[in-house]
Amino acid sequence: MDFFASFAALTGQQLGSADAPDSFNVLDALTGKSKKGRDYFIEHGLVDNLALIKGDWKYIEPHAGPAVIERVGAETGNSPEPQLYHLQKDLGEKNNVAAANPQVVKEMDALLKSVREKGRSR
């Protein structure tokens, strides 16, 4: 999603305020001039649920529905409880640490709600 803004910067183009509303210029990260890209990333689940990845954390908002689509064996990310994973320690997202990190859950949930209310991240 960041290719829009990054390629626009590379070619000297300006994105309009309504163009690519979730695209950020991360050209320096793509070209190796910086190790830092964007501050956070929002991921869409298989249905309606959203996840927020920020730093080493991945937060998945509570969402109703089946946890697995049985006919294809795909996990949906659905859970009635918030999910929080420390990706550096648990890349496979097997150990939900939301209960042990309520402040991280609160901060990430607030950021996700803010972006959803704005309808865009840029």
PDB file of N, CA and C in Angstrom:
ATOM      1  N   MET A   1       0.802  -1.187   0.000  1.00  0.00           N
ATOM      2  CA  MET A   1       0.000   0.000   0.000  1.00  0.00           C
ATOM      3  C   MET A   1       0.845   1.251   0.000  1.00  0.00           C
ATOM      4  N   ASP A   2       2.065   1.176   0.469  1.00  0.00           N
ATOM      5  CA  ASP A   2       2.919   2.362   0.502  1.00  0.00           C
ATOM      6  C   ASP A   2       3.626   2.631  -0.814  1.00  0.00           C
ATOM      7  N   PHE A   3       3.456   1.760  -1.786  1.00  0.00           N
ATOM      8  CA  PHE A   3       4.070   2.001  -3.088  1.00  0.00           C
ATOM      9  C   PHE A   3       3.511   3.264  -3.744  1.00  0.00           C
ATOM     10  N   PHE A   4       2.222   3.553  -3.572  1.00  0.00           N
ATOM     11  CA  PHE A   4       1.626   4.737  -4.199  1.00  0.00           C
ATOM     12  C   PHE A   4       2.383   6.002  -3.814  1.00  0.00           C
ATOM     13  N   ALA A   5       2.477   6.264  -2.514  1.00  0.00           N
ATOM     14  CA  ALA A   5       3.142   7.494  -2.051  1.00  0.00           C
ATOM     15  C   ALA A   5       4.643   7.439  -2.313  1.00  0.00           C
ATOM     16  N   SER A   6       5.238   6.282  -2.162  1.00  0.00           N
ATOM     17  CA  SER A   6       6.685   6.160  -2.368  1.00  0.00           C
ATOM     18  C   SER A   6       7.063   6.368  -3.829  1.00  0.00           C
ATOM     19  N   PHE A   7       6.316   5.766  -4.741  1.00  0.00           N
ATOM     20  CA  PHE A   7       6.601   5.945  -6.161  1.00  0.00           C
ATOM     21  C   PHE A   7       6.278   7.362  -6.620  1.00  0.00           C
ATOM     22  N   ALA A   8       5.256   7.967  -6.016  1.00  0.00           N
ATOM     23  CA  ALA A   8       4.963   9.368  -6.333  1.00  0.00           C
ATOM     24  C   ALA A   8       6.152  10.238  -5.943  1.00  0.00           C
ATOM     25  N   ALA A   9       6.713  10.004  -4.773  1.00  0.00           N
ATOM     26  CA  ALA A   9       7.880  10.769  -4.333  1.00  0.00           C
ATOM     27  C   ALA A   9       9.072  10.509  -5.249  1.00  0.00           C
ATOM     28  N   LEU A  10       9.265   9.272  -5.636  1.00  0.00           N
ATOM     29  CA  LEU A  10      10.383   8.906  -6.513  1.00  0.00           C
ATOM     30  C   LEU A  10      10.306   9.635  -7.851  1.00  0.00           C
ATOM     31  N   THR A  11       9.102   9.814  -8.345  1.00  0.00           N
ATOM     32  CA  THR A  11       8.922  10.431  -9.658  1.00  0.00           C
ATOM     33  C   THR A  11       8.556  11.913  -9.581  1.00  0.00           C
ATOM     34  N   GLY A  12       8.595  12.484  -8.365  1.00  0.00           N
ATOM     35  CA  GLY A  12       8.330  13.903  -8.202  1.00  0.00           C
ATOM     36  C   GLY A  12       6.869  14.295  -8.330  1.00  0.00           C
ATOM     37  N   GLN A  13       5.974  13.339  -8.111  1.00  0.00           N
ATOM     38  CA  GLN A  13       4.543  13.602  -8.209  1.00  0.00           C
ATOM     39  C   GLN A  13       3.957  13.911  -6.829  1.00  0.00           C
ATOM     40  N   GLN A  14       2.871  14.648  -6.802  1.00  0.00           N
ATOM     41  CA  GLN A  14       2.148  14.943  -5.561  1.00  0.00           C
ATOM     42  C   GLN A  14       0.859  14.140  -5.541  1.00  0.00           C
ATOM     43  N   LEU A  15       0.597  13.461  -4.425  1.00  0.00           N
ATOM     44  CA  LEU A  15      -0.688  12.794  -4.266  1.00  0.00           C
ATOM     45  C   LEU A  15      -1.693  13.817  -3.753  1.00  0.00           C
ATOM     46  N   GLY A  16      -2.901  13.773  -4.289  1.00  0.00           N
ATOM     47  CA  GLY A  16      -3.966  14.607  -3.768  1.00  0.00           C
ATOM     48  C   GLY A  16      -4.416  14.085  -2.416  1.00  0.00           C
ATOM     49  N   SER A  17      -5.123  14.901  -1.661  1.00  0.00           N
ATOM     50  CA  SER A  17      -5.534  14.491  -0.313  1.00  0.00           C
ATOM     51  C   SER A  17      -6.443  13.270  -0.333  1.00  0.00           C
ATOM     52  N   ALA A  18      -7.169  13.043  -1.410  1.00  0.00           N
ATOM     53  CA  ALA A  18      -8.056  11.885  -1.506  1.00  0.00           C
ATOM     54  C   ALA A  18      -7.384  10.680  -2.175  1.00  0.00           C
ATOM     55  N   ASP A  19      -6.191  10.869  -2.711  1.00  0.00           N
ATOM     56  CA  ASP A  19      -5.486   9.785  -3.392  1.00  0.00           C
ATOM     57  C   ASP A  19      -4.763   8.890  -2.390  1.00  0.00           C
ATOM     58  N   ALA A  20      -4.925   7.599  -2.528  1.00  0.00           N
ATOM     59  CA  ALA A  20      -4.212   6.617  -1.706  1.00  0.00           C
ATOM     60  C   ALA A  20      -4.193   7.028  -0.239  1.00  0.00           C
ATOM     61  N   PRO A  21      -5.363   7.086   0.409  1.00  0.00           N
ATOM     62  CA  PRO A  21      -5.463   7.644   1.758  1.00  0.00           C
ATOM     63  C   PRO A  21      -4.706   6.884   2.843  1.00  0.00           C
ATOM     64  N   ASP A  22      -4.242   5.691   2.537  1.00  0.00           N
ATOM     65  CA  ASP A  22      -3.498   4.917   3.523  1.00  0.00           C
ATOM     66  C   ASP A  22      -2.062   4.658   3.095  1.00  0.00           C
ATOM     67  N   SER A  23      -1.590   5.407   2.115  1.00  0.00           N
ATOM     68  CA  SER A  23      -0.238   5.211   1.605  1.00  0.00           C
ATOM     69  C   SER A  23       0.711   6.275   2.155  1.00  0.00           C
ATOM     70  N   PHE A  24       1.858   5.830   2.640  1.00  0.00           N
ATOM     71  CA  PHE A  24       2.885   6.723   3.177  1.00  0.00           C
ATOM     72  C   PHE A  24       4.149   6.609   2.341  1.00  0.00           C
ATOM     73  N   ASN A  25       4.885   7.690   2.264  1.00  0.00           N
ATOM     74  CA  ASN A  25       6.152   7.689   1.557  1.00  0.00           C
ATOM     75  C   ASN A  25       7.210   7.020   2.438  1.00  0.00           C
ATOM     76  N   VAL A  26       7.614   5.827   2.062  1.00  0.00           N
ATOM     77  CA  VAL A  26       8.656   5.095   2.782  1.00  0.00           C
ATOM     78  C   VAL A  26       9.824   4.814   1.841  1.00  0.00           C
ATOM     79  N   LEU A  27      10.037   5.722   0.912  1.00  0.00           N
ATOM     80  CA  LEU A  27      11.077   5.547  -0.096  1.00  0.00           C
ATOM     81  C   LEU A  27      12.453   5.337   0.530  1.00  0.00           C
ATOM     82  N   ASP A  28      12.777   6.082   1.581  1.00  0.00           N
ATOM     83  CA  ASP A  28      14.084   5.904   2.217  1.00  0.00           C
ATOM     84  C   ASP A  28      14.256   4.490   2.767  1.00  0.00           C
ATOM     85  N   ALA A  29      13.201   3.907   3.298  1.00  0.00           N
ATOM     86  CA  ALA A  29      13.287   2.525   3.791  1.00  0.00           C
ATOM     87  C   ALA A  29      13.414   1.547   2.621  1.00  0.00           C
ATOM     88  N   LEU A  30      12.695   1.805   1.545  1.00  0.00           N
ATOM     89  CA  LEU A  30      12.761   0.920   0.377  1.00  0.00           C
ATOM     90  C   LEU A  30      14.122   0.948  -0.305  1.00  0.00           C
ATOM     91  N   THR A  31      14.791   2.091  -0.256  1.00  0.00           N
ATOM     92  CA  THR A  31      16.090   2.224  -0.914  1.00  0.00           C
ATOM     93  C   THR A  31      17.260   1.988   0.033  1.00  0.00           C
ATOM     94  N   GLY A  32      16.976   1.665   1.284  1.00  0.00           N
ATOM     95  CA  GLY A  32      18.030   1.366   2.245  1.00  0.00           C
ATOM     96  C   GLY A  32      18.661   2.576   2.898  1.00  0.00           C
ATOM     97  N   LYS A  33      18.119   3.765   2.678  1.00  0.00           N
ATOM     98  CA  LYS A  33      18.660   4.966   3.310  1.00  0.00           C
ATOM     99  C   LYS A  33      18.231   5.084   4.766  1.00  0.00           C
ATOM    100  N   SER A  34      17.225   4.336   5.134  1.00  0.00           N
ATOM    101  CA  SER A  34      16.709   4.359   6.498  1.00  0.00           C
ATOM    102  C   SER A  34      16.224   2.965   6.853  1.00  0.00           C
ATOM    103  N   LYS A  35      16.281   2.624   8.119  1.00  0.00           N
ATOM    104  CA  LYS A  35      15.747   1.340   8.574  1.00  0.00           C
ATOM    105  C   LYS A  35      14.309   1.491   9.035  1.00  0.00           C
ATOM    106  N   LYS A  36      13.823   2.734   9.076  1.00  0.00           N
ATOM    107  CA  LYS A  36      12.487   2.999   9.577  1.00  0.00           C
ATOM    108  C   LYS A  36      11.520   3.232   8.428  1.00  0.00           C
ATOM    109  N   GLY A  37      10.416   2.522   8.454  1.00  0.00           N
ATOM    110  CA  GLY A  37       9.338   2.737   7.504  1.00  0.00           C
ATOM    111  C   GLY A  37       8.225   3.504   8.195  1.00  0.00           C
ATOM    112  N   ARG A  38       7.052   2.959   8.172  1.00  0.00           N
ATOM    113  CA  ARG A  38       5.919   3.616   8.829  1.00  0.00           C
ATOM    114  C   ARG A  38       5.848   3.232  10.304  1.00  0.00           C
ATOM    115  N   ASP A  39       5.106   4.024  11.074  1.00  0.00           N
ATOM    116  CA  ASP A  39       4.995   3.784  12.518  1.00  0.00           C
ATOM    117  C   ASP A  39       4.092   2.602  12.840  1.00  0.00           C
ATOM    118  N   TYR A  40       3.078   2.395  12.033  1.00  0.00           N
ATOM    119  CA  TYR A  40       2.157   1.288  12.271  1.00  0.00           C
ATOM    120  C   TYR A  40       1.547   0.856  10.948  1.00  0.00           C
ATOM    121  N   PHE A  41       0.939  -0.315  10.987  1.00  0.00           N
ATOM    122  CA  PHE A  41       0.339  -0.884   9.790  1.00  0.00           C
ATOM    123  C   PHE A  41      -0.986  -1.519  10.180  1.00  0.00           C
ATOM    124  N   ILE A  42      -2.026  -1.290   9.398  1.00  0.00           N
ATOM    125  CA  ILE A  42      -3.324  -1.905   9.665  1.00  0.00           C
ATOM    126  C   ILE A  42      -3.533  -3.030   8.665  1.00  0.00           C
ATOM    127  N   GLU A  43      -3.942  -4.164   9.194  1.00  0.00           N
ATOM    128  CA  GLU A  43      -4.136  -5.362   8.394  1.00  0.00           C
ATOM    129  C   GLU A  43      -5.621  -5.731   8.421  1.00  0.00           C
ATOM    130  N   HIS A  44      -6.179  -6.039   7.268  1.00  0.00           N
ATOM    131  CA  HIS A  44      -7.576  -6.461   7.187  1.00  0.00           C
ATOM    132  C   HIS A  44      -7.650  -7.968   7.307  1.00  0.00           C
ATOM    133  N   GLY A  45      -8.598  -8.435   8.119  1.00  0.00           N
ATOM    134  CA  GLY A  45      -8.808  -9.861   8.279  1.00  0.00           C
ATOM    135  C   GLY A  45      -9.630 -10.432   7.135  1.00  0.00           C
ATOM    136  N   LEU A  46     -10.004 -11.693   7.244  1.00  0.00           N
ATOM    137  CA  LEU A  46     -10.766 -12.349   6.187  1.00  0.00           C
ATOM    138  C   LEU A  46     -12.187 -11.810   6.074  1.00  0.00           C
ATOM    139  N   VAL A  47     -12.717 -11.267   7.165  1.00  0.00           N
ATOM    140  CA  VAL A  47     -14.090 -10.772   7.138  1.00  0.00           C
ATOM    141  C   VAL A  47     -14.037  -9.264   7.357  1.00  0.00           C
ATOM    142  N   ASP A  48     -14.464  -8.785   8.519  1.00  0.00           N
ATOM    143  CA  ASP A  48     -14.493  -7.355   8.830  1.00  0.00           C
ATOM    144  C   ASP A  48     -13.427  -6.936   9.831  1.00  0.00           C
ATOM    145  N   ASN A  49     -12.861  -7.887  10.525  1.00  0.00           N
ATOM    146  CA  ASN A  49     -11.974  -7.519  11.623  1.00  0.00           C
ATOM    147  C   ASN A  49     -10.671  -6.895  11.131  1.00  0.00           C
ATOM    148  N   LEU A  50     -10.139  -6.022  11.978  1.00  0.00           N
ATOM    149  CA  LEU A  50      -8.883  -5.346  11.671  1.00  0.00           C
ATOM    150  C   LEU A  50      -7.842  -5.701  12.714  1.00  0.00           C
ATOM    151  N   ALA A  51      -6.587  -5.622  12.295  1.00  0.00           N
ATOM    152  CA  ALA A  51      -5.460  -5.810  13.203  1.00  0.00           C
ATOM    153  C   ALA A  51      -4.533  -4.616  13.034  1.00  0.00           C
ATOM    154  N   LEU A  52      -3.830  -4.288  14.089  1.00  0.00           N
ATOM    155  CA  LEU A  52      -2.873  -3.189  14.080  1.00  0.00           C
ATOM    156  C   LEU A  52      -1.519  -3.744  14.470  1.00  0.00           C
ATOM    157  N   ILE A  53      -0.516  -3.484  13.638  1.00  0.00           N
ATOM    158  CA  ILE A  53       0.850  -3.893  13.934  1.00  0.00           C
ATOM    159  C   ILE A  53       1.646  -2.626  14.185  1.00  0.00           C
ATOM    160  N   LYS A  54       2.252  -2.556  15.363  1.00  0.00           N
ATOM    161  CA  LYS A  54       3.050  -1.395  15.738  1.00  0.00           C
ATOM    162  C   LYS A  54       4.233  -1.890  16.556  1.00  0.00           C
ATOM    163  N   GLY A  55       5.423  -1.618  16.062  1.00  0.00           N
ATOM    164  CA  GLY A  55       6.616  -2.110  16.744  1.00  0.00           C
ATOM    165  C   GLY A  55       6.597  -3.629  16.767  1.00  0.00           C
ATOM    166  N   ASP A  56       6.821  -4.192  17.939  1.00  0.00           N
ATOM    167  CA  ASP A  56       6.831  -5.650  18.092  1.00  0.00           C
ATOM    168  C   ASP A  56       5.458  -6.232  18.373  1.00  0.00           C
ATOM    169  N   TRP A  57       4.427  -5.381  18.423  1.00  0.00           N
ATOM    170  CA  TRP A  57       3.101  -5.816  18.838  1.00  0.00           C
ATOM    171  C   TRP A  57       2.130  -5.950  17.668  1.00  0.00           C
ATOM    172  N   LYS A  58       1.256  -6.938  17.776  1.00  0.00           N
ATOM    173  CA  LYS A  58       0.121  -7.070  16.866  1.00  0.00           C
ATOM    174  C   LYS A  58      -1.134  -7.194  17.711  1.00  0.00           C
ATOM    175  N   TYR A  59      -2.058  -6.281  17.476  1.00  0.00           N
ATOM    176  CA  TYR A  59      -3.336  -6.266  18.187  1.00  0.00           C
ATOM    177  C   TYR A  59      -4.436  -6.620  17.200  1.00  0.00           C
ATOM    178  N   ILE A  60      -5.297  -7.558  17.574  1.00  0.00           N
ATOM    179  CA  ILE A  60      -6.460  -7.925  16.769  1.00  0.00           C
ATOM    180  C   ILE A  60      -7.687  -7.601  17.594  1.00  0.00           C
ATOM    181  N   GLU A  61      -8.528  -6.735  17.047  1.00  0.00           N
ATOM    182  CA  GLU A  61      -9.715  -6.314  17.780  1.00  0.00           C
ATOM    183  C   GLU A  61     -10.674  -7.486  17.959  1.00  0.00           C
ATOM    184  N   PRO A  62     -11.487  -7.446  19.025  1.00  0.00           N
ATOM    185  CA  PRO A  62     -12.499  -8.492  19.203  1.00  0.00           C
ATOM    186  C   PRO A  62     -13.470  -8.488  18.030  1.00  0.00           C
ATOM    187  N   HIS A  63     -13.884  -9.679  17.619  1.00  0.00           N
ATOM    188  CA  HIS A  63     -14.796  -9.777  16.488  1.00  0.00           C
ATOM    189  C   HIS A  63     -15.551 -11.091  16.577  1.00  0.00           C
ATOM    190  N   ALA A  64     -16.859 -11.030  16.341  1.00  0.00           N
ATOM    191  CA  ALA A  64     -17.686 -12.236  16.370  1.00  0.00           C
ATOM    192  C   ALA A  64     -17.442 -13.062  15.116  1.00  0.00           C
ATOM    193  N   GLY A  65     -17.746 -14.322  15.220  1.00  0.00           N
ATOM    194  CA  GLY A  65     -17.635 -15.205  14.063  1.00  0.00           C
ATOM    195  C   GLY A  65     -16.749 -16.390  14.381  1.00  0.00           C
ATOM    196  N   PRO A  66     -16.704 -17.342  13.469  1.00  0.00           N
ATOM    197  CA  PRO A  66     -15.908 -18.550  13.705  1.00  0.00           C
ATOM    198  C   PRO A  66     -14.412 -18.249  13.687  1.00  0.00           C
ATOM    199  N   ALA A  67     -13.677 -18.929  14.524  1.00  0.00           N
ATOM    200  CA  ALA A  67     -12.225 -18.755  14.591  1.00  0.00           C
ATOM    201  C   ALA A  67     -11.525 -19.401  13.399  1.00  0.00           C
ATOM    202  N   VAL A  68     -12.186 -20.407  12.807  1.00  0.00           N
ATOM    203  CA  VAL A  68     -11.610 -21.132  11.673  1.00  0.00           C
ATOM    204  C   VAL A  68     -12.694 -21.360  10.625  1.00  0.00           C
ATOM    205  N   ILE A  69     -12.358 -21.192   9.363  1.00  0.00           N
ATOM    206  CA  ILE A  69     -13.254 -21.573   8.272  1.00  0.00           C
ATOM    207  C   ILE A  69     -12.959 -23.035   7.989  1.00  0.00           C
ATOM    208  N   GLU A  70     -13.835 -23.903   8.458  1.00  0.00           N
ATOM    209  CA  GLU A  70     -13.585 -25.348   8.455  1.00  0.00           C
ATOM    210  C   GLU A  70     -13.320 -25.913   7.066  1.00  0.00           C
ATOM    211  N   ARG A  71     -14.065 -25.486   6.056  1.00  0.00           N
ATOM    212  CA  ARG A  71     -13.936 -26.112   4.732  1.00  0.00           C
ATOM    213  C   ARG A  71     -12.569 -25.882   4.093  1.00  0.00           C
ATOM    214  N   VAL A  72     -11.868 -24.842   4.533  1.00  0.00           N
ATOM    215  CA  VAL A  72     -10.534 -24.584   3.985  1.00  0.00           C
ATOM    216  C   VAL A  72      -9.444 -24.609   5.061  1.00  0.00           C
ATOM    217  N   GLY A  73      -9.850 -24.714   6.320  1.00  0.00           N
ATOM    218  CA  GLY A  73      -8.884 -24.783   7.409  1.00  0.00           C
ATOM    219  C   GLY A  73      -8.130 -23.482   7.651  1.00  0.00           C
ATOM    220  N   ALA A  74      -8.750 -22.345   7.328  1.00  0.00           N
ATOM    221  CA  ALA A  74      -8.084 -21.049   7.482  1.00  0.00           C
ATOM    222  C   ALA A  74      -8.534 -20.365   8.771  1.00  0.00           C
ATOM    223  N   GLU A  75      -7.568 -19.873   9.537  1.00  0.00           N
ATOM    224  CA  GLU A  75      -7.889 -19.090  10.720  1.00  0.00           C
ATOM    225  C   GLU A  75      -8.413 -17.729  10.285  1.00  0.00           C
ATOM    226  N   THR A  76      -9.414 -17.226  11.005  1.00  0.00           N
ATOM    227  CA  THR A  76     -10.019 -15.943  10.641  1.00  0.00           C
ATOM    228  C   THR A  76      -9.510 -14.787  11.497  1.00  0.00           C
ATOM    229  N   GLY A  77      -8.958 -15.081  12.666  1.00  0.00           N
ATOM    230  CA  GLY A  77      -8.577 -14.028  13.604  1.00  0.00           C
ATOM    231  C   GLY A  77      -9.731 -13.615  14.488  1.00  0.00           C
ATOM    232  N   ASN A  78     -10.901 -14.226  14.303  1.00  0.00           N
ATOM    233  CA  ASN A  78     -12.070 -13.890  15.105  1.00  0.00           C
ATOM    234  C   ASN A  78     -11.926 -14.423  16.525  1.00  0.00           C
ATOM    235  N   SER A  79     -12.291 -13.583  17.468  1.00  0.00           N
ATOM    236  CA  SER A  79     -12.324 -13.960  18.876  1.00  0.00           C
ATOM    237  C   SER A  79     -13.170 -12.915  19.589  1.00  0.00           C
ATOM    238  N   PRO A  80     -13.959 -13.320  20.564  1.00  0.00           N
ATOM    239  CA  PRO A  80     -14.735 -12.330  21.316  1.00  0.00           C
ATOM    240  C   PRO A  80     -13.860 -11.477  22.235  1.00  0.00           C
ATOM    241  N   GLU A  81     -12.643 -11.882  22.440  1.00  0.00           N
ATOM    242  CA  GLU A  81     -11.702 -11.170  23.307  1.00  0.00           C
ATOM    243  C   GLU A  81     -10.620 -10.495  22.457  1.00  0.00           C
ATOM    244  N   PRO A  82     -10.048  -9.396  22.960  1.00  0.00           N
ATOM    245  CA  PRO A  82      -8.926  -8.788  22.230  1.00  0.00           C
ATOM    246  C   PRO A  82      -7.749  -9.754  22.195  1.00  0.00           C
ATOM    247  N   GLN A  83      -6.994  -9.685  21.125  1.00  0.00           N
ATOM    248  CA  GLN A  83      -5.801 -10.516  20.995  1.00  0.00           C
ATOM    249  C   GLN A  83      -4.582  -9.607  20.859  1.00  0.00           C
ATOM    250  N   LEU A  84      -3.517  -9.967  21.543  1.00  0.00           N
ATOM    251  CA  LEU A  84      -2.268  -9.221  21.480  1.00  0.00           C
ATOM    252  C   LEU A  84      -1.123 -10.219  21.410  1.00  0.00           C
ATOM    253  N   TYR A  85      -0.247 -10.003  20.435  1.00  0.00           N
ATOM    254  CA  TYR A  85       0.892 -10.898  20.255  1.00  0.00           C
ATOM    255  C   TYR A  85       2.170 -10.084  20.198  1.00  0.00           C
ATOM    256  N   HIS A  86       3.207 -10.591  20.844  1.00  0.00           N
ATOM    257  CA  HIS A  86       4.532  -9.972  20.770  1.00  0.00           C
ATOM    258  C   HIS A  86       5.259 -10.685  19.637  1.00  0.00           C
ATOM    259  N   LEU A  87       5.312 -10.039  18.480  1.00  0.00           N
ATOM    260  CA  LEU A  87       5.777 -10.706  17.265  1.00  0.00           C
ATOM    261  C   LEU A  87       7.246 -11.119  17.302  1.00  0.00           C
ATOM    262  N   GLN A  88       8.068 -10.388  18.030  1.00  0.00           N
ATOM    263  CA  GLN A  88       9.482 -10.762  18.101  1.00  0.00           C
ATOM    264  C   GLN A  88       9.645 -12.095  18.842  1.00  0.00           C
ATOM    265  N   LYS A  89       8.772 -12.346  19.815  1.00  0.00           N
ATOM    266  CA  LYS A  89       8.842 -13.579  20.604  1.00  0.00           C
ATOM    267  C   LYS A  89       7.893 -14.663  20.101  1.00  0.00           C
ATOM    268  N   ASP A  90       6.875 -14.258  19.328  1.00  0.00           N
ATOM    269  CA  ASP A  90       5.807 -15.177  18.951  1.00  0.00           C
ATOM    270  C   ASP A  90       5.307 -14.858  17.539  1.00  0.00           C
ATOM    271  N   LEU A  91       6.152 -15.072  16.557  1.00  0.00           N
ATOM    272  CA  LEU A  91       5.810 -14.748  15.173  1.00  0.00           C
ATOM    273  C   LEU A  91       4.613 -15.553  14.678  1.00  0.00           C
ATOM    274  N   GLY A  92       4.409 -16.736  15.221  1.00  0.00           N
ATOM    275  CA  GLY A  92       3.290 -17.585  14.814  1.00  0.00           C
ATOM    276  C   GLY A  92       1.969 -17.206  15.462  1.00  0.00           C
ATOM    277  N   GLU A  93       1.981 -16.184  16.321  1.00  0.00           N
ATOM    278  CA  GLU A  93       0.774 -15.683  16.989  1.00  0.00           C
ATOM    279  C   GLU A  93       0.026 -16.811  17.700  1.00  0.00           C
ATOM    280  N   LYS A  94       0.737 -17.522  18.540  1.00  0.00           N
ATOM    281  CA  LYS A  94       0.148 -18.646  19.281  1.00  0.00           C
ATOM    282  C   LYS A  94      -0.197 -18.290  20.723  1.00  0.00           C
ATOM    283  N   ASN A  95       0.472 -17.271  21.297  1.00  0.00           N
ATOM    284  CA  ASN A  95       0.304 -16.944  22.711  1.00  0.00           C
ATOM    285  C   ASN A  95      -0.292 -15.541  22.873  1.00  0.00           C
ATOM    286  N   ASN A  96      -1.597 -15.477  23.090  1.00  0.00           N
ATOM    287  CA  ASN A  96      -2.289 -14.209  23.277  1.00  0.00           C
ATOM    288  C   ASN A  96      -1.909 -13.631  24.645  1.00  0.00           C
ATOM    289  N   VAL A  97      -1.213 -12.483  24.646  1.00  0.00           N
ATOM    290  CA  VAL A  97      -0.740 -11.879  25.888  1.00  0.00           C
ATOM    291  C   VAL A  97      -1.531 -10.613  26.250  1.00  0.00           C
ATOM    292  N   ALA A  98      -2.746 -10.503  25.729  1.00  0.00           N
ATOM    293  CA  ALA A  98      -3.572  -9.316  25.982  1.00  0.00           C
ATOM    294  C   ALA A  98      -3.850  -9.130  27.475  1.00  0.00           C
ATOM    295  N   ALA A  99      -4.201 -10.179  28.176  1.00  0.00           N
ATOM    296  CA  ALA A  99      -4.538 -10.058  29.602  1.00  0.00           C
ATOM    297  C   ALA A  99      -3.353  -9.564  30.425  1.00  0.00           C
ATOM    298  N   ALA A 100      -2.150  -9.918  30.023  1.00  0.00           N
ATOM    299  CA  ALA A 100      -0.948  -9.513  30.766  1.00  0.00           C
ATOM    300  C   ALA A 100      -0.455  -8.117  30.377  1.00  0.00           C
ATOM    301  N   ASN A 101      -1.020  -7.534  29.322  1.00  0.00           N
ATOM    302  CA  ASN A 101      -0.571  -6.227  28.820  1.00  0.00           C
ATOM    303  C   ASN A 101      -1.759  -5.313  28.527  1.00  0.00           C
ATOM    304  N   PRO A 102      -2.585  -5.014  29.548  1.00  0.00           N
ATOM    305  CA  PRO A 102      -3.798  -4.228  29.292  1.00  0.00           C
ATOM    306  C   PRO A 102      -3.521  -2.815  28.772  1.00  0.00           C
ATOM    307  N   GLN A 103      -2.411  -2.205  29.164  1.00  0.00           N
ATOM    308  CA  GLN A 103      -2.120  -0.848  28.703  1.00  0.00           C
ATOM    309  C   GLN A 103      -1.784  -0.841  27.217  1.00  0.00           C
ATOM    310  N   VAL A 104      -1.052  -1.837  26.744  1.00  0.00           N
ATOM    311  CA  VAL A 104      -0.728  -1.942  25.319  1.00  0.00           C
ATOM    312  C   VAL A 104      -2.018  -2.149  24.527  1.00  0.00           C
ATOM    313  N   VAL A 105      -2.898  -3.014  25.022  1.00  0.00           N
ATOM    314  CA  VAL A 105      -4.183  -3.259  24.365  1.00  0.00           C
ATOM    315  C   VAL A 105      -4.975  -1.961  24.275  1.00  0.00           C
ATOM    316  N   LYS A 106      -5.030  -1.219  25.378  1.00  0.00           N
ATOM    317  CA  LYS A 106      -5.792   0.033  25.413  1.00  0.00           C
ATOM    318  C   LYS A 106      -5.251   1.038  24.394  1.00  0.00           C
ATOM    319  N   GLU A 107      -3.936   1.209  24.340  1.00  0.00           N
ATOM    320  CA  GLU A 107      -3.316   2.160  23.413  1.00  0.00           C
ATOM    321  C   GLU A 107      -3.532   1.753  21.957  1.00  0.00           C
ATOM    322  N   MET A 108      -3.354   0.476  21.671  1.00  0.00           N
ATOM    323  CA  MET A 108      -3.492   0.019  20.283  1.00  0.00           C
ATOM    324  C   MET A 108      -4.948   0.050  19.840  1.00  0.00           C
ATOM    325  N   ASP A 109      -5.860  -0.271  20.743  1.00  0.00           N
ATOM    326  CA  ASP A 109      -7.278  -0.203  20.418  1.00  0.00           C
ATOM    327  C   ASP A 109      -7.691   1.241  20.133  1.00  0.00           C
ATOM    328  N   ALA A 110      -7.202   2.177  20.915  1.00  0.00           N
ATOM    329  CA  ALA A 110      -7.521   3.596  20.702  1.00  0.00           C
ATOM    330  C   ALA A 110      -6.990   4.084  19.349  1.00  0.00           C
ATOM    331  N   LEU A 111      -5.777   3.686  18.991  1.00  0.00           N
ATOM    332  CA  LEU A 111      -5.211   4.083  17.693  1.00  0.00           C
ATOM    333  C   LEU A 111      -6.019   3.492  16.546  1.00  0.00           C
ATOM    334  N   LEU A 112      -6.381   2.227  16.656  1.00  0.00           N
ATOM    335  CA  LEU A 112      -7.164   1.572  15.606  1.00  0.00           C
ATOM    336  C   LEU A 112      -8.531   2.248  15.456  1.00  0.00           C
ATOM    337  N   LYS A 113      -9.178   2.568  16.561  1.00  0.00           N
ATOM    338  CA  LYS A 113     -10.475   3.251  16.502  1.00  0.00           C
ATOM    339  C   LYS A 113     -10.334   4.636  15.881  1.00  0.00           C
ATOM    340  N   SER A 114      -9.268   5.330  16.193  1.00  0.00           N
ATOM    341  CA  SER A 114      -9.038   6.660  15.651  1.00  0.00           C
ATOM    342  C   SER A 114      -8.907   6.610  14.130  1.00  0.00           C
ATOM    343  N   VAL A 115      -8.139   5.662  13.634  1.00  0.00           N
ATOM    344  CA  VAL A 115      -7.961   5.521  12.184  1.00  0.00           C
ATOM    345  C   VAL A 115      -9.277   5.133  11.527  1.00  0.00           C
ATOM    346  N   ARG A 116     -10.023   4.240  12.158  1.00  0.00           N
ATOM    347  CA  ARG A 116     -11.312   3.818  11.605  1.00  0.00           C
ATOM    348  C   ARG A 116     -12.276   5.004  11.524  1.00  0.00           C
ATOM    349  N   GLU A 117     -12.312   5.832  12.561  1.00  0.00           N
ATOM    350  CA  GLU A 117     -13.208   6.996  12.580  1.00  0.00           C
ATOM    351  C   GLU A 117     -12.830   8.007  11.493  1.00  0.00           C
ATOM    352  N   LYS A 118     -11.547   8.186  11.262  1.00  0.00           N
ATOM    353  CA  LYS A 118     -11.089   9.112  10.215  1.00  0.00           C
ATOM    354  C   LYS A 118     -11.354   8.542   8.810  1.00  0.00           C
ATOM    355  N   GLY A 119     -11.411   7.210   8.716  1.00  0.00           N
ATOM    356  CA  GLY A 119     -11.616   6.584   7.421  1.00  0.00           C
ATOM    357  C   GLY A 119     -10.345   6.477   6.602  1.00  0.00           C
ATOM    358  N   ARG A 120      -9.226   6.810   7.205  1.00  0.00           N
ATOM    359  CA  ARG A 120      -7.934   6.808   6.507  1.00  0.00           C
ATOM    360  C   ARG A 120      -6.827   6.906   7.556  1.00  0.00           C
ATOM    361  N   SER A 121      -5.623   6.545   7.162  1.00  0.00           N
ATOM    362  CA  SER A 121      -4.492   6.651   8.096  1.00  0.00           C
ATOM    363  C   SER A 121      -3.548   7.781   7.748  1.00  0.00           C
ATOM    364  N   ARG A 122      -3.666   8.354   6.543  1.00  0.00           N
ATOM    365  CA  ARG A 122      -2.796   9.449   6.136  1.00  0.00           C
ATOM    366  C   ARG A 122      -3.526  10.771   6.229  1.00  0.00           C
TER     367      ARG A 122
END
